[in-house]
Amino acid sequence: MVDLKLKLGKKGYLIIPKLLREKYGFKEGSWVLVELREDGILLKPGKNIDDLKAFFKSHVKRLRSLNTKSPKPGELRGISLEEEFE
């Protein structure tokens, strides 16, 4: 593993080198997820809001194509959508 030593700017800005931005998918204007750890922080590229909107639209379209009737109360009790979002 390679360790990098980066310097913070006046307002806490940190420049992520181009090589790392390209490798891990950090793009200008995109969100960065910050995960707090005991020994520091972990930076992860966040999902673009437009990508999430497109995902949900396609998901809704797919669900509508599967079934045209609305579920009855209690009918979806045993269904979990967690796997859909992994």
C-alpha atoms as a PDB file:
ATOM      1  CA  MET A   1       0.000   0.000   0.000  1.00  0.00           C
ATOM      2  CA  VAL A   2       1.192   3.490  -0.855  1.00  0.00           C
ATOM      3  CA  ASP A   3       0.839   6.262   1.701  1.00  0.00           C
ATOM      4  CA  LEU A   4       0.338   9.830   0.522  1.00  0.00           C
ATOM      5  CA  LYS A   5       0.987  12.959   2.504  1.00  0.00           C
ATOM      6  CA  LEU A   6      -1.420  15.734   1.494  1.00  0.00           C
ATOM      7  CA  LYS A   7      -1.628  19.265   2.873  1.00  0.00           C
ATOM      8  CA  LEU A   8      -4.915  20.916   3.861  1.00  0.00           C
ATOM      9  CA  GLY A   9      -5.690  24.350   2.460  1.00  0.00           C
ATOM     10  CA  LYS A  10      -6.723  27.399   4.514  1.00  0.00           C
ATOM     11  CA  LYS A  11     -10.421  26.463   4.670  1.00  0.00           C
ATOM     12  CA  GLY A  12      -9.867  22.744   5.128  1.00  0.00           C
ATOM     13  CA  TYR A  13      -9.753  21.937   1.421  1.00  0.00           C
ATOM     14  CA  LEU A  14      -7.934  18.778   0.432  1.00  0.00           C
ATOM     15  CA  ILE A  15      -6.788  18.195  -3.135  1.00  0.00           C
ATOM     16  CA  ILE A  16      -7.173  14.571  -4.183  1.00  0.00           C
ATOM     17  CA  PRO A  17      -4.560  13.791  -6.855  1.00  0.00           C
ATOM     18  CA  LYS A  18      -5.882  13.222 -10.387  1.00  0.00           C
ATOM     19  CA  LEU A  19      -4.667   9.619 -10.505  1.00  0.00           C
ATOM     20  CA  LEU A  20      -6.737   8.756  -7.413  1.00  0.00           C
ATOM     21  CA  ARG A  21      -9.803  10.738  -8.586  1.00  0.00           C
ATOM     22  CA  GLU A  22      -9.799   8.811 -11.864  1.00  0.00           C
ATOM     23  CA  LYS A  23      -9.159   5.439 -10.235  1.00  0.00           C
ATOM     24  CA  TYR A  24     -11.951   5.762  -7.665  1.00  0.00           C
ATOM     25  CA  GLY A  25     -14.469   7.765  -9.692  1.00  0.00           C
ATOM     26  CA  PHE A  26     -14.387  11.140  -7.949  1.00  0.00           C
ATOM     27  CA  LYS A  27     -15.731  13.728 -10.404  1.00  0.00           C
ATOM     28  CA  GLU A  28     -16.080  17.488 -10.184  1.00  0.00           C
ATOM     29  CA  GLY A  29     -19.396  18.409  -8.606  1.00  0.00           C
ATOM     30  CA  SER A  30     -20.077  14.886  -7.361  1.00  0.00           C
ATOM     31  CA  TRP A  31     -20.806  13.981  -3.757  1.00  0.00           C
ATOM     32  CA  VAL A  32     -18.158  12.500  -1.479  1.00  0.00           C
ATOM     33  CA  LEU A  33     -19.219  10.196   1.340  1.00  0.00           C
ATOM     34  CA  VAL A  34     -17.190  10.532   4.533  1.00  0.00           C
ATOM     35  CA  GLU A  35     -17.104   7.485   6.802  1.00  0.00           C
ATOM     36  CA  LEU A  36     -15.874   8.087  10.341  1.00  0.00           C
ATOM     37  CA  ARG A  37     -13.444   5.485  11.645  1.00  0.00           C
ATOM     38  CA  GLU A  38     -11.584   5.086  14.925  1.00  0.00           C
ATOM     39  CA  ASP A  39      -8.233   5.750  13.251  1.00  0.00           C
ATOM     40  CA  GLY A  40      -9.383   8.486  10.835  1.00  0.00           C
ATOM     41  CA  ILE A  41     -11.841   8.964   7.990  1.00  0.00           C
ATOM     42  CA  LEU A  42     -12.590   7.086   4.785  1.00  0.00           C
ATOM     43  CA  LEU A  43     -13.600   9.014   1.652  1.00  0.00           C
ATOM     44  CA  LYS A  44     -15.858   7.284  -0.884  1.00  0.00           C
ATOM     45  CA  PRO A  45     -17.353   8.579  -4.120  1.00  0.00           C
ATOM     46  CA  GLY A  46     -21.058   9.232  -3.687  1.00  0.00           C
ATOM     47  CA  LYS A  47     -23.764   8.393  -6.163  1.00  0.00           C
ATOM     48  CA  ASN A  48     -24.720  11.135  -8.566  1.00  0.00           C
ATOM     49  CA  ILE A  49     -28.300  12.283  -7.929  1.00  0.00           C
ATOM     50  CA  ASP A  50     -29.128  11.930 -11.639  1.00  0.00           C
ATOM     51  CA  ASP A  51     -27.915   8.307 -11.569  1.00  0.00           C
ATOM     52  CA  LEU A  52     -30.120   7.625  -8.546  1.00  0.00           C
ATOM     53  CA  LYS A  53     -33.140   9.236 -10.207  1.00  0.00           C
ATOM     54  CA  ALA A  54     -32.614   7.125 -13.327  1.00  0.00           C
ATOM     55  CA  PHE A  55     -32.273   3.985 -11.186  1.00  0.00           C
ATOM     56  CA  PHE A  56     -35.528   4.664  -9.343  1.00  0.00           C
ATOM     57  CA  LYS A  57     -37.405   5.513 -12.548  1.00  0.00           C
ATOM     58  CA  SER A  58     -36.284   2.263 -14.178  1.00  0.00           C
ATOM     59  CA  HIS A  59     -37.090   0.349 -10.998  1.00  0.00           C
ATOM     60  CA  VAL A  60     -40.618   1.783 -10.825  1.00  0.00           C
ATOM     61  CA  LYS A  61     -41.123   1.096 -14.533  1.00  0.00           C
ATOM     62  CA  ARG A  62     -40.018  -2.527 -14.048  1.00  0.00           C
ATOM     63  CA  LEU A  63     -42.295  -2.994 -11.043  1.00  0.00           C
ATOM     64  CA  ARG A  64     -45.272  -1.562 -12.916  1.00  0.00           C
ATOM     65  CA  SER A  65     -44.648  -3.916 -15.818  1.00  0.00           C
ATOM     66  CA  LEU A  66     -44.715  -6.922 -13.466  1.00  0.00           C
ATOM     67  CA  ASN A  67     -48.097  -6.257 -11.951  1.00  0.00           C
ATOM     68  CA  THR A  68     -50.862  -3.832 -12.909  1.00  0.00           C
ATOM     69  CA  LYS A  69     -53.000  -4.273  -9.787  1.00  0.00           C
ATOM     70  CA  SER A  70     -52.335  -2.512  -6.481  1.00  0.00           C
ATOM     71  CA  PRO A  71     -51.435  -4.653  -3.468  1.00  0.00           C
ATOM     72  CA  LYS A  72     -54.032  -5.179  -0.760  1.00  0.00           C
ATOM     73  CA  PRO A  73     -53.265  -4.116   2.838  1.00  0.00           C
ATOM     74  CA  GLY A  74     -50.870  -6.595   4.434  1.00  0.00           C
ATOM     75  CA  GLU A  75     -50.080  -8.322   1.136  1.00  0.00           C
ATOM     76  CA  LEU A  76     -46.478  -7.039   1.042  1.00  0.00           C
ATOM     77  CA  ARG A  77     -45.731  -7.785   4.693  1.00  0.00           C
ATOM     78  CA  GLY A  78     -43.068 -10.447   3.972  1.00  0.00           C
ATOM     79  CA  ILE A  79     -41.352  -8.645   1.081  1.00  0.00           C
ATOM     80  CA  SER A  80     -38.021  -6.866   1.600  1.00  0.00           C
ATOM     81  CA  LEU A  81     -36.559  -4.379  -0.871  1.00  0.00           C
ATOM     82  CA  GLU A  82     -33.107  -4.312   0.762  1.00  0.00           C
ATOM     83  CA  GLU A  83     -31.600  -6.566  -1.915  1.00  0.00           C
ATOM     84  CA  GLU A  84     -32.771  -4.143  -4.614  1.00  0.00           C
ATOM     85  CA  PHE A  85     -30.520  -1.393  -3.298  1.00  0.00           C
ATOM     86  CA  GLU A  86     -27.243  -3.272  -2.826  1.00  0.00           C
END
